[in-house]
C-alpha cells in the first residue's frame, strides 16, 4: 500500500467502514510508515474533538451571507496565478 492509497481509505478506516482485508493492509502500512502513523493519529484525534464540540444553532441569515462573502473573497485571493 502506498501513502496515497492510504489517504483514499482514511475516512473509511477511521469510521470502521473497511472490510477486514483492507483494514489489515492499512494497519500494516501505518506500522511501517511513521508519516502515515502520525497522520492517522492526528486525523483520529481531530475527528474525536470535532464530534465532542457542542452543536450550535444556525447562524442568522445576514451574518451567514456576510461571512460567506468574506470567505469567498479570501479564497479567490489565495488561488494560485493562472487558476
Protein backbone atom coordinates (compact mmCIF):
# COMPACT_ATOMS: atom_id res chain seq x y z
CA UNK A 1 0.00 0.00 0.00
CA UNK A 2 1.22 3.49 -0.81
CA UNK A 3 0.69 6.61 1.26
CA UNK A 4 -1.67 7.92 -1.44
CA UNK A 5 -3.76 4.75 -1.27
CA UNK A 6 -3.98 5.13 2.49
CA UNK A 7 -5.25 8.68 2.10
CA UNK A 8 -8.04 7.42 -0.15
CA UNK A 9 -9.13 4.93 2.53
CA UNK A 10 -8.53 7.12 5.60
CA UNK A 11 -12.10 8.23 6.19
CA UNK A 12 -13.45 4.68 5.85
CA UNK A 13 -10.65 3.37 8.09
CA UNK A 14 -11.42 5.87 10.85
CA UNK A 15 -15.15 5.17 10.52
CA UNK A 16 -14.64 1.37 10.65
CA UNK A 17 -16.06 1.05 7.14
CA UNK A 18 -13.37 -1.18 5.64
CA UNK A 19 -13.52 -4.91 5.09
CA UNK A 20 -11.05 -6.86 7.23
CA UNK A 21 -8.52 -7.31 4.41
CA UNK A 22 -8.32 -3.58 3.63
CA UNK A 23 -8.24 -2.68 7.33
CA UNK A 24 -5.33 -5.07 7.86
CA UNK A 25 -3.46 -3.64 4.88
CA UNK A 26 -3.92 -0.10 6.22
CA UNK A 27 -2.72 -1.14 9.69
CA UNK A 28 0.38 -2.83 8.28
CA UNK A 29 1.19 0.33 6.32
CA UNK A 30 0.66 2.54 9.39
CA UNK A 31 3.05 0.39 11.44
CA UNK A 32 5.71 0.66 8.76
CA UNK A 33 5.27 4.33 7.79
CA UNK A 34 5.91 6.88 10.53
CA UNK A 35 4.40 9.71 8.46
CA UNK A 36 1.10 7.87 7.92
CA UNK A 37 1.02 6.71 11.54
CA UNK A 38 1.22 10.32 12.69
CA UNK A 39 -1.37 11.35 10.09
CA UNK A 40 -3.87 8.69 11.20
CA UNK A 41 -3.35 9.54 14.87
CA UNK A 42 -3.82 13.27 14.20
CA UNK A 43 -6.87 12.73 11.98
CA UNK A 44 -8.47 10.40 14.53
CA UNK A 45 -7.88 12.91 17.31
CA UNK A 46 -9.30 15.77 15.21
CA UNK A 47 -12.47 13.79 14.42
CA UNK A 48 -12.92 12.88 18.09
CA UNK A 49 -12.50 16.50 19.21
CA UNK A 50 -14.82 17.83 16.50
CA UNK A 51 -17.54 15.34 17.42
CA UNK A 52 -17.28 16.42 21.07
CA UNK A 53 -17.90 20.08 20.27
CA UNK A 54 -21.31 21.42 21.26
CA UNK A 55 -23.79 21.74 18.42
CA UNK A 56 -24.61 25.31 17.55
CA UNK A 57 -27.78 26.83 16.21
CA UNK A 58 -27.91 28.10 12.62
CA UNK A 59 -26.31 31.48 12.04
CA UNK A 60 -28.57 34.47 11.46
CA UNK A 61 -29.11 34.77 7.69
CA UNK A 62 -27.50 38.22 7.36
CA UNK A 63 -24.41 37.13 9.29
CA UNK A 64 -24.07 33.94 7.25
CA UNK A 65 -24.30 35.88 3.98
CA UNK A 66 -21.64 38.33 5.14
CA UNK A 67 -19.37 35.51 6.34
CA UNK A 68 -19.72 33.61 3.06
CA UNK A 69 -18.90 36.78 1.12
CA UNK A 70 -15.72 37.36 3.12
CA UNK A 71 -14.65 33.71 2.81
CA UNK A 72 -15.27 33.66 -0.95
CA UNK A 73 -13.19 36.81 -1.31
CA UNK A 74 -10.36 35.29 0.73
CA UNK A 75 -10.44 32.06 -1.26
CA UNK A 76 -10.24 33.96 -4.54
CA UNK A 77 -7.21 35.86 -3.27
CA UNK A 78 -5.49 32.61 -2.25
CA UNK A 79 -5.85 30.94 -5.68
CA UNK A 80 -2.53 30.38 -7.48
CA UNK A 81 -1.97 32.58 -10.52
CA UNK A 82 -3.36 31.07 -13.72
CA UNK A 83 -6.26 29.27 -11.95
